[in-house]
N, C-alpha and C. Protein backbone atom coordinates (compact mmCIF):
# COMPACT_ATOMS: atom_id res chain seq x y z
N MET A 1 0.85 -1.18 -0.08
CA MET A 1 -0.03 -0.02 -0.08
C MET A 1 0.84 1.26 0.01
N GLY A 2 0.81 2.13 -0.84
CA GLY A 2 1.57 3.33 -1.21
C GLY A 2 1.10 4.42 -0.19
N ILE A 3 1.96 5.44 -0.10
CA ILE A 3 1.61 6.58 0.78
C ILE A 3 0.55 7.30 0.51
N PHE A 4 -0.03 7.31 -0.94
CA PHE A 4 -1.06 8.09 -1.26
C PHE A 4 -2.46 7.34 -0.91
N SER A 5 -2.38 6.13 -0.72
CA SER A 5 -3.55 5.41 -0.33
C SER A 5 -3.89 5.25 1.30
N LYS A 6 -2.93 5.51 1.96
CA LYS A 6 -3.05 5.28 3.49
C LYS A 6 -3.49 6.49 4.29
N ASN A 7 -3.45 7.65 3.57
CA ASN A 7 -3.74 8.89 4.34
C ASN A 7 -5.32 9.18 4.06
N LYS A 8 -5.96 9.87 5.01
CA LYS A 8 -7.14 10.21 5.08
C LYS A 8 -7.23 11.81 5.06
N ILE A 9 -7.64 12.27 3.90
CA ILE A 9 -7.63 13.75 3.63
C ILE A 9 -9.04 14.21 3.34
N TYR A 10 -9.69 14.95 4.15
CA TYR A 10 -10.96 15.44 4.15
C TYR A 10 -11.03 16.87 3.78
N ILE A 11 -11.73 17.18 2.69
CA ILE A 11 -11.83 18.50 2.15
C ILE A 11 -13.28 18.99 2.12
N THR A 12 -13.54 20.05 2.62
CA THR A 12 -14.82 20.74 2.69
C THR A 12 -14.67 22.10 2.20
N ASP A 13 -15.70 22.42 1.38
CA ASP A 13 -15.85 23.78 0.72
C ASP A 13 -17.11 24.49 1.42
N GLU A 14 -16.84 25.35 2.29
CA GLU A 14 -17.84 26.09 3.04
C GLU A 14 -18.30 27.40 2.34
N CYS A 15 -17.72 27.78 1.22
CA CYS A 15 -18.01 28.96 0.40
C CYS A 15 -19.57 28.90 -0.04
N GLU A 16 -20.24 29.92 -0.13
CA GLU A 16 -21.53 29.93 -0.81
C GLU A 16 -21.55 30.91 -1.87
N PRO A 17 -21.60 30.53 -3.07
CA PRO A 17 -21.65 29.26 -3.61
C PRO A 17 -20.32 28.55 -3.49
N ALA A 18 -20.31 27.29 -3.57
CA ALA A 18 -18.96 26.51 -3.61
C ALA A 18 -17.92 27.04 -4.66
N VAL A 19 -16.79 27.13 -4.30
CA VAL A 19 -15.82 27.76 -5.27
C VAL A 19 -14.60 26.70 -5.55
N LEU A 20 -14.42 25.76 -4.81
CA LEU A 20 -13.31 24.75 -5.05
C LEU A 20 -13.65 23.82 -6.32
N THR A 21 -12.67 24.11 -7.13
CA THR A 21 -12.84 23.07 -8.28
C THR A 21 -12.27 21.66 -7.97
N LYS A 22 -12.72 20.71 -8.81
CA LYS A 22 -12.19 19.24 -8.60
C LYS A 22 -10.58 19.25 -8.76
N LYS A 23 -10.21 20.08 -9.71
CA LYS A 23 -8.77 20.24 -9.95
C LYS A 23 -7.97 20.68 -8.69
N GLU A 24 -8.64 21.79 -8.06
CA GLU A 24 -7.95 22.36 -6.80
C GLU A 24 -7.99 21.28 -5.62
N ALA A 25 -9.18 20.51 -5.50
CA ALA A 25 -9.30 19.41 -4.56
C ALA A 25 -8.22 18.47 -4.64
N LYS A 26 -8.07 18.01 -5.95
CA LYS A 26 -6.92 17.04 -6.21
C LYS A 26 -5.64 17.61 -5.85
N LEU A 27 -5.33 18.84 -6.16
CA LEU A 27 -4.03 19.54 -5.93
C LEU A 27 -3.81 19.52 -4.39
N ILE A 28 -4.80 19.88 -3.57
CA ILE A 28 -4.75 20.02 -2.11
C ILE A 28 -4.27 18.44 -1.63
N LYS A 29 -5.02 17.50 -2.05
CA LYS A 29 -4.66 16.09 -1.67
C LYS A 29 -3.14 15.70 -2.15
N LYS A 30 -2.80 16.10 -3.35
CA LYS A 30 -1.48 15.86 -3.67
C LYS A 30 -0.52 16.58 -2.91
N ALA A 31 -0.69 17.96 -2.60
CA ALA A 31 0.14 18.71 -1.60
C ALA A 31 0.28 17.92 -0.22
N VAL A 32 -0.76 17.54 0.31
CA VAL A 32 -0.78 16.92 1.66
C VAL A 32 0.17 15.73 1.50
N ASN A 33 -0.13 14.91 0.46
CA ASN A 33 0.73 13.62 0.22
C ASN A 33 2.15 13.90 0.15
N THR A 34 2.47 14.86 -0.69
CA THR A 34 3.81 15.10 -1.08
C THR A 34 4.55 15.59 0.14
N VAL A 35 3.91 16.47 1.00
CA VAL A 35 4.65 16.88 2.15
C VAL A 35 4.88 15.74 3.11
N LEU A 36 3.93 14.85 3.23
CA LEU A 36 4.14 13.63 4.11
C LEU A 36 5.25 12.73 3.60
N LYS A 37 5.35 12.62 2.27
CA LYS A 37 6.28 11.74 1.73
C LYS A 37 7.67 12.47 1.83
N ALA A 38 7.77 13.77 1.51
CA ALA A 38 8.93 14.41 1.64
C ALA A 38 9.60 14.50 3.02
N GLU A 39 8.72 14.60 4.00
CA GLU A 39 9.00 14.58 5.45
C GLU A 39 9.22 13.16 5.99
N ASN A 40 9.26 12.14 5.19
CA ASN A 40 9.30 10.68 5.57
C ASN A 40 8.34 10.33 6.78
N PHE A 41 7.13 10.86 6.57
CA PHE A 41 6.12 10.45 7.55
C PHE A 41 5.64 9.10 7.18
N GLU A 42 5.92 8.22 7.97
CA GLU A 42 5.72 6.65 7.76
C GLU A 42 4.29 6.20 8.31
N LYS A 43 3.58 6.92 9.00
CA LYS A 43 2.37 6.50 9.64
C LYS A 43 1.27 6.98 8.59
N SER A 44 0.05 6.33 8.96
CA SER A 44 -1.14 6.84 8.10
C SER A 44 -1.52 8.26 8.71
N ALA A 45 -1.94 9.21 8.08
CA ALA A 45 -2.21 10.54 8.59
C ALA A 45 -3.62 10.83 8.13
N GLU A 46 -4.17 11.71 9.03
CA GLU A 46 -5.57 12.28 8.80
C GLU A 46 -5.38 13.77 8.92
N VAL A 47 -5.92 14.38 7.99
CA VAL A 47 -5.88 15.96 7.80
C VAL A 47 -7.27 16.33 7.30
N SER A 48 -7.79 17.38 7.84
CA SER A 48 -8.94 17.97 7.43
C SER A 48 -8.69 19.43 6.73
N VAL A 49 -9.11 19.66 5.53
CA VAL A 49 -8.89 20.85 4.81
C VAL A 49 -10.23 21.60 4.63
N THR A 50 -10.39 22.85 5.07
CA THR A 50 -11.65 23.66 4.89
C THR A 50 -11.40 24.68 4.05
N VAL A 51 -12.20 25.02 3.01
CA VAL A 51 -11.99 26.13 2.13
C VAL A 51 -13.19 27.15 2.58
N VAL A 52 -12.76 28.37 2.75
CA VAL A 52 -13.78 29.35 3.26
C VAL A 52 -13.58 30.59 2.58
N ASP A 53 -14.37 31.56 2.79
CA ASP A 53 -14.21 33.03 2.28
C ASP A 53 -13.49 33.90 3.36
N ASP A 54 -13.22 35.16 2.95
CA ASP A 54 -12.43 36.02 3.79
C ASP A 54 -13.22 36.44 5.21
N GLY A 55 -14.43 36.43 5.04
CA GLY A 55 -15.25 36.80 6.25
C GLY A 55 -15.03 35.68 7.14
N SER A 56 -15.14 34.46 6.81
CA SER A 56 -15.19 33.22 7.81
C SER A 56 -13.76 33.13 8.25
N ILE A 57 -12.70 33.39 7.48
CA ILE A 57 -11.27 33.07 8.01
C ILE A 57 -10.89 34.29 8.98
N HIS A 58 -11.48 35.58 8.64
CA HIS A 58 -11.35 36.71 9.41
C HIS A 58 -11.86 36.46 10.86
N ALA A 59 -12.97 35.88 11.02
CA ALA A 59 -13.56 35.48 12.25
C ALA A 59 -12.83 34.46 13.03
N MET A 60 -12.30 33.49 12.32
CA MET A 60 -11.40 32.37 12.86
C MET A 60 -10.10 33.04 13.47
N ASN A 61 -9.48 33.93 12.50
CA ASN A 61 -8.28 34.48 12.84
C ASN A 61 -8.32 35.38 14.17
N ARG A 62 -9.42 36.08 14.22
CA ARG A 62 -9.79 36.90 15.49
C ARG A 62 -9.80 35.97 16.71
N GLU A 63 -10.65 34.95 16.54
CA GLU A 63 -10.94 34.10 17.62
C GLU A 63 -9.75 33.34 18.03
N SER A 64 -8.93 32.65 17.20
CA SER A 64 -7.89 31.83 17.52
C SER A 64 -6.58 32.48 17.85
N ARG A 65 -6.34 33.53 17.01
CA ARG A 65 -5.01 34.22 17.25
C ARG A 65 -5.06 35.59 17.68
N GLY A 66 -6.32 36.21 17.84
CA GLY A 66 -6.48 37.54 18.23
C GLY A 66 -6.05 38.59 17.27
N VAL A 67 -6.11 38.24 16.05
CA VAL A 67 -5.57 39.17 14.87
C VAL A 67 -6.85 39.49 14.17
N ASP A 68 -7.28 40.73 14.23
CA ASP A 68 -8.51 41.06 13.70
C ASP A 68 -8.58 41.75 12.21
N ARG A 69 -8.26 40.49 11.34
CA ARG A 69 -8.21 40.70 9.86
C ARG A 69 -8.17 39.33 9.24
N PRO A 70 -8.72 39.30 7.96
CA PRO A 70 -8.47 37.92 7.24
C PRO A 70 -7.02 37.57 6.97
N THR A 71 -6.89 36.32 6.78
CA THR A 71 -5.57 35.83 6.50
C THR A 71 -5.69 34.88 5.41
N ASP A 72 -4.52 34.28 4.94
CA ASP A 72 -4.72 33.35 3.82
C ASP A 72 -4.95 31.96 4.21
N VAL A 73 -4.35 31.46 5.36
CA VAL A 73 -4.42 30.13 5.74
C VAL A 73 -4.12 30.01 7.35
N LEU A 74 -4.93 29.15 7.90
CA LEU A 74 -4.80 28.96 9.31
C LEU A 74 -4.39 27.40 9.53
N SER A 75 -3.69 27.12 10.48
CA SER A 75 -3.37 25.70 10.83
C SER A 75 -3.67 25.44 12.26
N PHE A 76 -4.31 24.25 12.42
CA PHE A 76 -4.74 23.92 13.88
C PHE A 76 -4.16 22.44 14.11
N PRO A 77 -2.96 22.45 14.66
CA PRO A 77 -2.23 21.24 14.83
C PRO A 77 -2.92 20.35 15.96
N VAL A 78 -3.02 19.08 15.89
CA VAL A 78 -3.65 18.22 16.95
C VAL A 78 -2.47 17.64 17.80
N PHE A 79 -1.30 17.48 17.39
CA PHE A 79 -0.17 16.84 18.03
C PHE A 79 -0.55 15.58 18.80
N ASP A 80 -1.35 14.74 18.34
CA ASP A 80 -1.72 13.49 18.85
C ASP A 80 -1.39 12.37 17.82
N GLU A 81 -0.36 11.56 18.27
CA GLU A 81 0.22 10.64 17.31
C GLU A 81 -0.85 9.63 16.77
N ASP A 82 -1.70 9.17 17.77
CA ASP A 82 -2.65 8.05 17.36
C ASP A 82 -3.77 8.01 18.29
N PHE A 83 -5.01 8.16 17.82
CA PHE A 83 -6.21 8.16 18.60
C PHE A 83 -6.74 6.65 18.81
N GLY A 84 -5.85 5.65 18.69
CA GLY A 84 -6.29 4.31 18.75
C GLY A 84 -7.01 3.74 17.55
N VAL A 85 -6.94 4.54 16.41
CA VAL A 85 -7.64 4.07 15.20
C VAL A 85 -6.56 3.75 14.12
N GLY A 86 -5.28 3.75 14.43
CA GLY A 86 -4.11 3.60 13.48
C GLY A 86 -3.93 4.74 12.57
N LEU A 87 -4.31 5.91 12.96
CA LEU A 87 -4.13 7.04 12.10
C LEU A 87 -3.45 8.12 13.03
N SER A 88 -2.45 8.91 12.61
CA SER A 88 -1.97 9.97 13.20
C SER A 88 -2.73 11.15 12.79
N VAL A 89 -3.62 11.77 13.63
CA VAL A 89 -4.51 12.94 13.41
C VAL A 89 -3.56 14.07 13.47
N LEU A 90 -3.31 14.68 12.33
CA LEU A 90 -2.49 15.80 12.38
C LEU A 90 -3.08 17.18 12.61
N GLY A 91 -4.25 17.36 12.20
CA GLY A 91 -5.18 18.50 12.49
C GLY A 91 -5.84 19.13 11.32
N ASP A 92 -6.06 20.42 11.46
CA ASP A 92 -6.98 21.06 10.50
C ASP A 92 -6.20 22.12 9.84
N ILE A 93 -6.53 22.30 8.48
CA ILE A 93 -6.15 23.49 7.57
C ILE A 93 -7.30 24.23 7.17
N VAL A 94 -7.25 25.52 7.30
CA VAL A 94 -8.42 26.36 6.66
C VAL A 94 -7.73 27.31 5.76
N ILE A 95 -8.25 27.42 4.57
CA ILE A 95 -7.71 28.12 3.43
C ILE A 95 -8.82 29.11 2.95
N SER A 96 -8.41 30.47 2.91
CA SER A 96 -9.39 31.40 2.33
C SER A 96 -9.08 31.30 0.76
N HIS A 97 -10.20 30.86 0.14
CA HIS A 97 -10.00 30.81 -1.28
C HIS A 97 -10.05 32.19 -1.91
N GLU A 98 -10.79 33.15 -1.41
CA GLU A 98 -10.85 34.42 -1.77
C GLU A 98 -9.40 35.09 -1.73
N THR A 99 -8.80 34.97 -0.55
CA THR A 99 -7.35 35.46 -0.59
C THR A 99 -6.42 34.76 -1.42
N ALA A 100 -6.71 33.47 -1.59
CA ALA A 100 -5.67 32.55 -2.45
C ALA A 100 -5.81 33.24 -3.98
N VAL A 101 -6.96 33.52 -4.44
CA VAL A 101 -7.08 34.02 -5.76
C VAL A 101 -6.52 35.39 -5.95
N ARG A 102 -6.78 36.13 -4.80
CA ARG A 102 -6.24 37.56 -4.88
C ARG A 102 -4.66 37.48 -4.81
N GLN A 103 -4.02 36.76 -3.91
CA GLN A 103 -2.64 36.61 -3.92
C GLN A 103 -2.02 36.15 -5.15
N ALA A 104 -2.68 35.18 -5.64
CA ALA A 104 -2.11 34.61 -7.03
C ALA A 104 -1.92 35.77 -7.99
N GLY A 105 -2.93 36.64 -8.08
CA GLY A 105 -2.81 37.73 -8.94
C GLY A 105 -1.71 38.72 -8.58
N GLU A 106 -1.52 38.95 -7.26
CA GLU A 106 -0.53 39.87 -6.74
C GLU A 106 0.92 39.35 -7.03
N TYR A 107 1.00 38.09 -6.83
CA TYR A 107 2.39 37.35 -6.94
C TYR A 107 2.57 36.98 -8.33
N GLY A 108 1.69 37.17 -9.32
CA GLY A 108 1.88 36.66 -10.70
C GLY A 108 1.91 35.31 -10.99
N HIS A 109 1.45 34.51 -10.12
CA HIS A 109 1.32 32.98 -10.49
C HIS A 109 -0.18 32.50 -10.53
N SER A 110 -0.24 31.30 -10.77
CA SER A 110 -1.67 30.70 -10.91
C SER A 110 -2.22 30.52 -9.61
N VAL A 111 -3.72 30.35 -9.49
CA VAL A 111 -4.32 29.99 -8.35
C VAL A 111 -3.97 28.78 -7.83
N ASP A 112 -3.64 27.74 -8.83
CA ASP A 112 -3.25 26.45 -8.30
C ASP A 112 -1.99 26.56 -7.61
N ARG A 113 -0.99 27.24 -8.09
CA ARG A 113 0.31 27.43 -7.35
C ARG A 113 0.23 28.01 -5.96
N GLU A 114 -0.94 28.94 -5.89
CA GLU A 114 -1.18 29.59 -4.52
C GLU A 114 -1.74 28.58 -3.60
N ILE A 115 -2.73 27.95 -4.08
CA ILE A 115 -3.34 26.84 -3.20
C ILE A 115 -2.30 25.58 -2.84
N ALA A 116 -1.54 25.37 -3.74
CA ALA A 116 -0.47 24.38 -3.34
C ALA A 116 0.43 24.83 -2.32
N PHE A 117 0.82 26.22 -2.37
CA PHE A 117 1.80 26.76 -1.54
C PHE A 117 1.09 26.87 -0.11
N LEU A 118 -0.28 27.34 -0.11
CA LEU A 118 -0.74 27.50 1.31
C LEU A 118 -1.11 26.12 1.96
N THR A 119 -1.43 25.18 1.17
CA THR A 119 -1.48 23.73 1.67
C THR A 119 -0.18 23.18 2.12
N VAL A 120 1.02 23.43 1.40
CA VAL A 120 2.23 22.90 1.90
C VAL A 120 2.59 23.71 3.21
N HIS A 121 2.48 24.98 3.11
CA HIS A 121 2.81 25.75 4.24
C HIS A 121 2.17 25.35 5.45
N SER A 122 0.82 25.07 5.44
CA SER A 122 -0.03 24.82 6.62
C SER A 122 0.36 23.32 6.85
N MET A 123 0.61 22.39 6.13
CA MET A 123 1.06 21.13 6.38
C MET A 123 2.45 21.10 7.25
N LEU A 124 3.26 21.80 6.76
CA LEU A 124 4.61 22.01 7.49
C LEU A 124 4.27 22.51 9.05
N HIS A 125 3.36 23.34 9.19
CA HIS A 125 3.02 23.90 10.55
C HIS A 125 2.32 22.63 11.33
N LEU A 126 1.58 21.87 10.63
CA LEU A 126 1.03 20.58 11.34
C LEU A 126 2.00 19.74 11.75
N LEU A 127 3.14 19.64 11.08
CA LEU A 127 4.20 18.69 11.36
C LEU A 127 5.25 19.43 12.24
N GLY A 128 5.05 20.54 12.80
CA GLY A 128 5.94 21.15 13.71
C GLY A 128 6.77 22.25 13.38
N TYR A 129 6.81 22.63 12.09
CA TYR A 129 7.62 23.70 11.66
C TYR A 129 6.98 25.09 12.14
N ASP A 130 7.78 26.02 12.37
CA ASP A 130 7.22 27.31 12.79
C ASP A 130 8.03 28.46 12.30
N HIS A 131 7.82 29.23 11.35
CA HIS A 131 8.59 30.32 10.89
C HIS A 131 8.67 31.55 11.72
N GLU A 132 7.85 31.61 12.91
CA GLU A 132 7.76 32.82 13.64
C GLU A 132 8.60 32.56 14.84
N THR A 133 9.40 31.57 15.10
CA THR A 133 10.16 31.34 16.30
C THR A 133 11.59 31.96 16.19
N SER A 134 12.09 32.02 14.97
CA SER A 134 13.48 32.56 14.74
C SER A 134 13.81 32.68 13.33
N PRO A 135 14.64 33.62 12.91
CA PRO A 135 15.06 33.74 11.53
C PRO A 135 15.60 32.41 10.90
N GLU A 136 16.25 31.70 11.55
CA GLU A 136 16.76 30.33 11.12
C GLU A 136 15.59 29.45 10.91
N ASP A 137 14.69 29.31 11.88
CA ASP A 137 13.39 28.53 11.64
C ASP A 137 12.60 28.96 10.25
N GLU A 138 12.56 30.26 10.20
CA GLU A 138 11.88 30.80 9.01
C GLU A 138 12.60 30.30 7.78
N LYS A 139 13.91 30.61 7.72
CA LYS A 139 14.72 30.24 6.42
C LYS A 139 14.49 28.70 6.30
N GLU A 140 14.57 27.79 7.21
CA GLU A 140 14.43 26.44 6.99
C GLU A 140 13.02 26.02 6.61
N MET A 141 11.92 26.67 7.16
CA MET A 141 10.75 26.32 6.68
C MET A 141 10.31 26.65 5.33
N PHE A 142 10.88 28.05 5.02
CA PHE A 142 10.49 28.49 3.59
C PHE A 142 11.33 27.73 2.61
N ALA A 143 12.58 27.36 2.90
CA ALA A 143 13.38 26.58 1.89
C ALA A 143 12.78 25.11 1.71
N ARG A 144 12.18 24.61 2.71
CA ARG A 144 11.47 23.31 2.69
C ARG A 144 10.28 23.46 1.84
N GLN A 145 9.50 24.54 2.05
CA GLN A 145 8.21 24.73 1.22
C GLN A 145 8.58 24.76 -0.28
N GLU A 146 9.69 25.64 -0.64
CA GLU A 146 10.01 25.58 -2.03
C GLU A 146 10.49 24.25 -2.61
N GLU A 147 11.15 23.48 -1.82
CA GLU A 147 11.71 22.09 -2.26
C GLU A 147 10.36 21.22 -2.49
N ILE A 148 9.47 21.23 -1.59
CA ILE A 148 8.33 20.47 -1.83
C ILE A 148 7.41 20.97 -3.02
N LEU A 149 7.33 22.17 -3.14
CA LEU A 149 6.55 22.74 -4.28
C LEU A 149 7.31 22.45 -5.60
N SER A 150 8.57 22.31 -5.62
CA SER A 150 9.23 22.01 -6.84
C SER A 150 8.92 20.48 -7.14
N LEU A 151 8.99 19.69 -6.07
CA LEU A 151 8.65 18.11 -6.20
C LEU A 151 7.05 18.06 -6.87
N MET A 152 6.41 19.06 -6.57
CA MET A 152 4.95 18.86 -7.22
C MET A 152 4.98 19.65 -8.50
N GLY A 153 6.00 20.28 -9.11
CA GLY A 153 6.04 20.93 -10.36
C GLY A 153 5.40 22.16 -10.21
N GLN A 154 5.17 22.74 -8.98
CA GLN A 154 4.81 24.07 -8.65
C GLN A 154 5.79 25.25 -8.34
N LYS A 155 6.86 25.37 -9.16
CA LYS A 155 7.94 26.31 -8.98
C LYS A 155 7.35 27.63 -9.08
N ARG A 156 8.07 28.74 -8.56
CA ARG A 156 7.70 30.07 -8.84
C ARG A 156 7.99 30.45 -10.16
């Protein structure tokens, strides 16, 4: 059984109307699986990804981080190796599709690349990376993001 078949990735589009395309959903799954493979994560993993609009992520950002503005992505690590079901539940990712589209335009790349980037970034947070702890940690995490995005064919 390969790495792509043992992980459980739940994707929910909470936008009204729904905005996530099938291609974007497949890209999110590929990003999650590529991070796990690149990080040599050998257990079965469970990750939930929810796609929302700016209003929803703004409220979550204010409630969870005390930051009163929308953001592009939030990560909610669980840090529990195994809930007795044979899966390592890593946590939840929340992506603002609205911000992803806007940032893709600002950075001059595709929405696919931005969604892949946000998913990879958040997955690294779920695995314990933190770019806000020190300049060295930031450099390490950002370099790792680019390596993984390159593996996915999503270079800048």
